[in-house]
């Protein structure tokens, strides 16, 4: 079973991701801010990290930078979940060191497939 860490401060967004992904047999972990997200990532070493770029304490860009500097985390895909306009989202996410980007609001019909694609890249 693949483990996904979602770093997201908005409760409704966390619940939506959980409801969409749980039927696909993922183990979901949640952190409500950047600091606890980095700690949980180090503790659990998830298979994928979904990070909101607009966190209340440490912005998503800083979280990604911190995680990518840790040798154990370097190969774990980090995907930005953002409300940035779609045409800028991927470009910005790549500049920040993310492995990809999914825009908000998430499309509940395609979200699980978008997430699964990051695991297929790893295979």
N, C-alpha and C. Protein backbone atom coordinates (compact mmCIF):
# COMPACT_ATOMS: atom_id res chain seq x y z
N UNK A 1 0.85 -1.18 0.00
CA UNK A 1 0.00 0.00 0.00
C UNK A 1 0.89 1.24 0.00
N UNK A 2 0.62 2.14 -0.91
CA UNK A 2 1.38 3.39 -1.02
C UNK A 2 0.91 4.39 0.02
N UNK A 3 1.86 5.14 0.57
CA UNK A 3 1.56 6.16 1.57
C UNK A 3 1.69 7.54 0.93
N UNK A 4 0.66 8.36 1.14
CA UNK A 4 0.65 9.72 0.62
C UNK A 4 0.53 10.68 1.80
N UNK A 5 1.44 11.64 1.85
CA UNK A 5 1.38 12.71 2.84
C UNK A 5 0.78 13.93 2.18
N UNK A 6 -0.29 14.43 2.75
CA UNK A 6 -0.90 15.67 2.25
C UNK A 6 -0.62 16.77 3.27
N UNK A 7 0.06 17.84 2.81
CA UNK A 7 0.32 18.99 3.66
C UNK A 7 -0.62 20.09 3.18
N UNK A 8 -1.67 20.30 3.96
CA UNK A 8 -2.77 21.19 3.55
C UNK A 8 -3.42 21.77 4.79
N UNK A 9 -3.56 23.10 4.83
CA UNK A 9 -4.15 23.74 6.01
C UNK A 9 -5.67 23.86 5.93
N UNK A 10 -6.26 23.73 4.76
CA UNK A 10 -7.70 23.87 4.61
C UNK A 10 -8.38 22.53 4.86
N UNK A 11 -9.21 22.49 5.92
CA UNK A 11 -9.85 21.25 6.34
C UNK A 11 -10.72 20.65 5.23
N UNK A 12 -11.50 21.47 4.56
CA UNK A 12 -12.38 20.99 3.49
C UNK A 12 -11.56 20.36 2.35
N UNK A 13 -10.45 20.99 2.00
CA UNK A 13 -9.59 20.43 0.95
C UNK A 13 -8.98 19.09 1.38
N UNK A 14 -8.58 19.01 2.64
CA UNK A 14 -8.03 17.74 3.16
C UNK A 14 -9.06 16.63 3.07
N UNK A 15 -10.28 16.93 3.49
CA UNK A 15 -11.34 15.92 3.46
C UNK A 15 -11.65 15.47 2.04
N UNK A 16 -11.69 16.41 1.12
CA UNK A 16 -11.99 16.08 -0.27
C UNK A 16 -10.93 15.13 -0.83
N UNK A 17 -9.68 15.43 -0.62
CA UNK A 17 -8.60 14.56 -1.10
C UNK A 17 -8.72 13.18 -0.46
N UNK A 18 -8.99 13.16 0.83
CA UNK A 18 -9.14 11.89 1.54
C UNK A 18 -10.27 11.06 0.94
N UNK A 19 -11.41 11.67 0.71
CA UNK A 19 -12.57 10.95 0.17
C UNK A 19 -12.32 10.44 -1.25
N UNK A 20 -11.57 11.20 -2.02
CA UNK A 20 -11.29 10.79 -3.40
C UNK A 20 -10.25 9.68 -3.45
N UNK A 21 -9.25 9.72 -2.58
CA UNK A 21 -8.14 8.77 -2.66
C UNK A 21 -8.32 7.50 -1.84
N UNK A 22 -9.04 7.54 -0.74
CA UNK A 22 -9.15 6.36 0.12
C UNK A 22 -9.69 5.12 -0.59
N UNK A 23 -10.66 5.23 -1.49
CA UNK A 23 -11.13 4.02 -2.18
C UNK A 23 -10.05 3.36 -3.06
N UNK A 24 -8.95 4.04 -3.29
CA UNK A 24 -7.88 3.52 -4.14
C UNK A 24 -6.77 2.87 -3.32
N UNK A 25 -7.06 2.57 -2.07
CA UNK A 25 -6.14 1.85 -1.18
C UNK A 25 -4.81 2.54 -0.94
N UNK A 26 -4.87 3.84 -0.75
CA UNK A 26 -3.70 4.58 -0.32
C UNK A 26 -3.78 4.77 1.18
N UNK A 27 -2.64 4.81 1.82
CA UNK A 27 -2.57 5.19 3.24
C UNK A 27 -2.32 6.69 3.24
N UNK A 28 -3.24 7.44 3.85
CA UNK A 28 -3.15 8.90 3.82
C UNK A 28 -2.72 9.45 5.16
N UNK A 29 -1.73 10.34 5.11
CA UNK A 29 -1.27 11.07 6.28
C UNK A 29 -1.54 12.54 6.03
N UNK A 30 -1.80 13.29 7.11
CA UNK A 30 -2.11 14.71 6.95
C UNK A 30 -1.29 15.57 7.89
N UNK A 31 -0.89 16.70 7.39
CA UNK A 31 -0.25 17.73 8.20
C UNK A 31 -0.91 19.04 7.83
N UNK A 32 -1.21 19.86 8.84
CA UNK A 32 -1.94 21.10 8.62
C UNK A 32 -1.03 22.31 8.37
N UNK A 33 0.28 22.12 8.49
CA UNK A 33 1.19 23.24 8.23
C UNK A 33 2.53 22.69 7.79
N UNK A 34 3.37 23.58 7.31
CA UNK A 34 4.65 23.18 6.75
C UNK A 34 5.58 22.51 7.74
N UNK A 35 5.67 23.07 8.93
CA UNK A 35 6.59 22.52 9.94
C UNK A 35 6.23 21.10 10.32
N UNK A 36 4.95 20.85 10.61
CA UNK A 36 4.55 19.49 10.97
C UNK A 36 4.62 18.57 9.75
N UNK A 37 4.44 19.12 8.55
CA UNK A 37 4.56 18.32 7.33
C UNK A 37 5.96 17.81 7.12
N UNK A 38 6.95 18.67 7.33
CA UNK A 38 8.35 18.25 7.19
C UNK A 38 8.67 17.18 8.23
N UNK A 39 8.23 17.38 9.46
CA UNK A 39 8.48 16.40 10.53
C UNK A 39 7.85 15.05 10.22
N UNK A 40 6.59 15.09 9.77
CA UNK A 40 5.88 13.85 9.46
C UNK A 40 6.52 13.15 8.25
N UNK A 41 6.96 13.91 7.29
CA UNK A 41 7.63 13.33 6.12
C UNK A 41 8.89 12.59 6.53
N UNK A 42 9.67 13.19 7.42
CA UNK A 42 10.90 12.55 7.90
C UNK A 42 10.61 11.29 8.71
N UNK A 43 9.54 11.36 9.49
CA UNK A 43 9.16 10.24 10.34
C UNK A 43 8.64 9.06 9.53
N UNK A 44 7.81 9.34 8.53
CA UNK A 44 7.10 8.30 7.79
C UNK A 44 7.72 7.91 6.44
N UNK A 45 8.52 8.80 5.85
CA UNK A 45 9.06 8.60 4.50
C UNK A 45 7.98 8.10 3.53
N UNK A 46 6.99 8.95 3.25
CA UNK A 46 5.88 8.54 2.38
C UNK A 46 6.35 8.29 0.95
N UNK A 47 5.48 7.69 0.15
CA UNK A 47 5.79 7.41 -1.25
C UNK A 47 5.53 8.61 -2.14
N UNK A 48 4.69 9.55 -1.66
CA UNK A 48 4.34 10.75 -2.42
C UNK A 48 3.93 11.83 -1.43
N UNK A 49 4.26 13.08 -1.76
CA UNK A 49 3.86 14.20 -0.92
C UNK A 49 3.06 15.18 -1.78
N UNK A 50 1.86 15.51 -1.31
CA UNK A 50 1.02 16.53 -1.94
C UNK A 50 1.11 17.76 -1.05
N UNK A 51 1.59 18.87 -1.56
CA UNK A 51 1.79 20.05 -0.71
C UNK A 51 1.07 21.26 -1.28
N UNK A 52 0.27 21.88 -0.41
CA UNK A 52 -0.38 23.15 -0.73
C UNK A 52 0.70 24.22 -0.75
N UNK A 53 0.67 25.08 -1.73
CA UNK A 53 1.70 26.12 -1.81
C UNK A 53 1.41 27.29 -0.87
N UNK A 54 0.17 27.43 -0.41
CA UNK A 54 -0.18 28.54 0.48
C UNK A 54 -0.43 28.08 1.90
N UNK A 55 0.62 27.73 2.61
CA UNK A 55 0.49 27.26 3.99
C UNK A 55 0.61 28.43 4.96
N UNK A 56 0.05 28.29 6.17
CA UNK A 56 0.02 29.43 7.10
C UNK A 56 1.34 29.76 7.78
N UNK A 57 2.22 28.78 7.97
CA UNK A 57 3.45 29.05 8.72
C UNK A 57 4.65 29.21 7.79
N UNK A 58 4.96 28.17 7.07
CA UNK A 58 6.07 28.16 6.14
C UNK A 58 5.46 27.92 4.77
N UNK A 59 5.78 28.75 3.77
CA UNK A 59 5.13 28.56 2.48
C UNK A 59 5.55 27.24 1.83
N UNK A 60 4.73 26.78 0.91
CA UNK A 60 4.97 25.50 0.25
C UNK A 60 6.30 25.42 -0.44
N UNK A 61 6.75 26.53 -1.02
CA UNK A 61 8.03 26.55 -1.70
C UNK A 61 9.17 26.21 -0.73
N UNK A 62 9.12 26.78 0.46
CA UNK A 62 10.14 26.51 1.48
C UNK A 62 10.08 25.06 1.93
N UNK A 63 8.87 24.53 2.09
CA UNK A 63 8.70 23.13 2.48
C UNK A 63 9.36 22.22 1.44
N UNK A 64 9.09 22.47 0.17
CA UNK A 64 9.68 21.66 -0.90
C UNK A 64 11.20 21.75 -0.87
N UNK A 65 11.72 22.96 -0.74
CA UNK A 65 13.18 23.16 -0.69
C UNK A 65 13.79 22.38 0.47
N UNK A 66 13.18 22.48 1.65
CA UNK A 66 13.69 21.76 2.82
C UNK A 66 13.68 20.25 2.59
N UNK A 67 12.57 19.73 2.07
CA UNK A 67 12.46 18.29 1.86
C UNK A 67 13.46 17.78 0.83
N UNK A 68 13.65 18.53 -0.24
CA UNK A 68 14.55 18.09 -1.31
C UNK A 68 16.02 18.10 -0.88
N UNK A 69 16.33 18.83 0.19
CA UNK A 69 17.71 18.87 0.69
C UNK A 69 18.06 17.69 1.58
N UNK A 70 17.05 16.92 1.98
CA UNK A 70 17.27 15.78 2.87
C UNK A 70 17.49 14.54 2.01
N UNK A 71 18.65 13.89 2.13
CA UNK A 71 18.97 12.76 1.25
C UNK A 71 17.87 11.68 1.19
N UNK A 72 17.27 11.34 2.33
CA UNK A 72 16.23 10.30 2.35
C UNK A 72 14.97 10.72 1.59
N UNK A 73 14.79 12.01 1.42
CA UNK A 73 13.57 12.53 0.79
C UNK A 73 13.77 12.85 -0.69
N UNK A 74 14.99 12.86 -1.16
CA UNK A 74 15.32 13.36 -2.50
C UNK A 74 14.55 12.66 -3.62
N UNK A 75 14.27 11.38 -3.47
CA UNK A 75 13.61 10.63 -4.55
C UNK A 75 12.09 10.55 -4.39
N UNK A 76 11.57 11.10 -3.32
CA UNK A 76 10.12 11.07 -3.10
C UNK A 76 9.47 12.18 -3.94
N UNK A 77 8.54 11.83 -4.82
CA UNK A 77 7.89 12.87 -5.63
C UNK A 77 7.09 13.84 -4.75
N UNK A 78 7.23 15.11 -5.04
CA UNK A 78 6.48 16.15 -4.34
C UNK A 78 5.64 16.88 -5.39
N UNK A 79 4.34 16.90 -5.17
CA UNK A 79 3.41 17.50 -6.12
C UNK A 79 2.74 18.70 -5.47
N UNK A 80 2.83 19.84 -6.13
CA UNK A 80 2.17 21.06 -5.65
C UNK A 80 0.67 20.94 -5.92
N UNK A 81 -0.12 21.29 -4.92
CA UNK A 81 -1.57 21.41 -5.09
C UNK A 81 -1.84 22.90 -4.91
N UNK A 82 -2.28 23.55 -5.96
CA UNK A 82 -2.34 25.01 -5.91
C UNK A 82 -3.51 25.60 -6.66
N UNK A 83 -3.91 26.77 -6.24
CA UNK A 83 -4.97 27.51 -6.93
C UNK A 83 -4.38 28.49 -7.94
N UNK A 84 -3.07 28.40 -8.18
CA UNK A 84 -2.48 29.25 -9.21
C UNK A 84 -3.17 28.98 -10.54
N UNK A 85 -3.21 29.97 -11.43
CA UNK A 85 -3.78 29.72 -12.76
C UNK A 85 -3.03 28.58 -13.45
N UNK A 86 -3.77 27.73 -14.13
CA UNK A 86 -3.19 26.52 -14.72
C UNK A 86 -2.00 26.79 -15.63
N UNK A 87 -2.04 27.88 -16.38
CA UNK A 87 -0.94 28.15 -17.31
C UNK A 87 0.37 28.48 -16.60
N UNK A 88 0.30 28.98 -15.37
CA UNK A 88 1.50 29.30 -14.59
C UNK A 88 1.86 28.23 -13.57
N UNK A 89 0.88 27.41 -13.21
CA UNK A 89 1.06 26.48 -12.10
C UNK A 89 2.23 25.52 -12.29
N UNK A 90 2.29 24.85 -13.42
CA UNK A 90 3.36 23.87 -13.62
C UNK A 90 4.71 24.54 -13.67
N UNK A 91 4.80 25.66 -14.37
CA UNK A 91 6.06 26.40 -14.46
C UNK A 91 6.55 26.82 -13.07
N UNK A 92 5.65 27.36 -12.25
CA UNK A 92 6.02 27.78 -10.91
C UNK A 92 6.41 26.58 -10.04
N UNK A 93 5.63 25.51 -10.13
CA UNK A 93 5.92 24.32 -9.32
C UNK A 93 7.30 23.77 -9.66
N UNK A 94 7.64 23.74 -10.94
CA UNK A 94 8.95 23.23 -11.33
C UNK A 94 10.07 24.16 -10.83
N UNK A 95 9.84 25.45 -10.88
CA UNK A 95 10.83 26.40 -10.37
C UNK A 95 11.08 26.17 -8.88
N UNK A 96 10.04 25.76 -8.16
CA UNK A 96 10.17 25.53 -6.72
C UNK A 96 10.69 24.14 -6.39
N UNK A 97 10.95 23.31 -7.41
CA UNK A 97 11.52 21.99 -7.17
C UNK A 97 10.50 20.87 -7.07
N UNK A 98 9.25 21.16 -7.38
CA UNK A 98 8.22 20.12 -7.34
C UNK A 98 8.37 19.20 -8.54
N UNK A 99 7.87 17.98 -8.39
CA UNK A 99 7.90 17.01 -9.47
C UNK A 99 6.67 17.12 -10.36
N UNK A 100 5.72 17.93 -9.96
CA UNK A 100 4.50 18.12 -10.74
C UNK A 100 3.56 19.05 -10.02
N UNK A 101 2.39 19.22 -10.62
CA UNK A 101 1.43 20.17 -10.08
C UNK A 101 0.01 19.73 -10.44
N UNK A 102 -0.89 19.88 -9.49
CA UNK A 102 -2.31 19.65 -9.72
C UNK A 102 -3.02 20.90 -9.23
N UNK A 103 -3.87 21.46 -10.08
CA UNK A 103 -4.52 22.72 -9.73
C UNK A 103 -5.81 22.49 -8.94
N UNK A 104 -6.12 23.48 -8.10
CA UNK A 104 -7.37 23.52 -7.35
C UNK A 104 -8.36 24.39 -8.12
N UNK A 105 -9.62 24.14 -8.01
CA UNK A 105 -10.17 23.00 -7.28
C UNK A 105 -9.86 21.69 -8.01
N UNK A 106 -9.58 20.65 -7.24
CA UNK A 106 -9.24 19.38 -7.88
C UNK A 106 -10.46 18.84 -8.62
N UNK A 107 -10.19 18.12 -9.68
CA UNK A 107 -11.25 17.46 -10.44
C UNK A 107 -11.43 16.08 -9.81
N UNK A 108 -12.53 15.86 -9.13
CA UNK A 108 -12.71 14.61 -8.39
C UNK A 108 -12.75 13.39 -9.30
N UNK A 109 -13.09 13.58 -10.55
CA UNK A 109 -13.13 12.44 -11.48
C UNK A 109 -11.74 12.02 -11.95
N UNK A 110 -10.81 12.96 -12.06
CA UNK A 110 -9.49 12.62 -12.58
C UNK A 110 -8.37 12.66 -11.53
N UNK A 111 -8.66 13.14 -10.33
CA UNK A 111 -7.61 13.33 -9.32
C UNK A 111 -6.87 12.04 -8.98
N UNK A 112 -7.59 10.95 -8.76
CA UNK A 112 -6.93 9.68 -8.40
C UNK A 112 -6.00 9.22 -9.52
N UNK A 113 -6.39 9.43 -10.77
CA UNK A 113 -5.54 9.06 -11.91
C UNK A 113 -4.32 9.97 -11.99
N UNK A 114 -4.50 11.26 -11.68
CA UNK A 114 -3.38 12.19 -11.67
C UNK A 114 -2.35 11.76 -10.63
N UNK A 115 -2.83 11.39 -9.45
CA UNK A 115 -1.95 10.95 -8.37
C UNK A 115 -1.25 9.64 -8.75
N UNK A 116 -2.01 8.69 -9.29
CA UNK A 116 -1.44 7.38 -9.66
C UNK A 116 -0.33 7.53 -10.69
N UNK A 117 -0.43 8.52 -11.55
CA UNK A 117 0.58 8.74 -12.58
C UNK A 117 1.96 8.99 -11.97
N UNK A 118 2.01 9.60 -10.81
CA UNK A 118 3.31 9.85 -10.15
C UNK A 118 3.94 8.55 -9.65
N UNK A 119 3.12 7.58 -9.30
CA UNK A 119 3.66 6.29 -8.89
C UNK A 119 4.12 5.49 -10.10
N UNK A 120 3.44 5.65 -11.23
CA UNK A 120 3.83 4.94 -12.45
C UNK A 120 5.16 5.44 -12.98
N UNK A 121 5.44 6.74 -12.80
CA UNK A 121 6.72 7.31 -13.23
C UNK A 121 7.86 6.66 -12.48
N UNK A 122 7.59 6.26 -11.24
CA UNK A 122 8.59 5.70 -10.36
C UNK A 122 8.88 4.23 -10.67
N UNK A 123 7.92 3.57 -11.31
CA UNK A 123 8.01 2.12 -11.53
C UNK A 123 9.05 1.75 -12.57
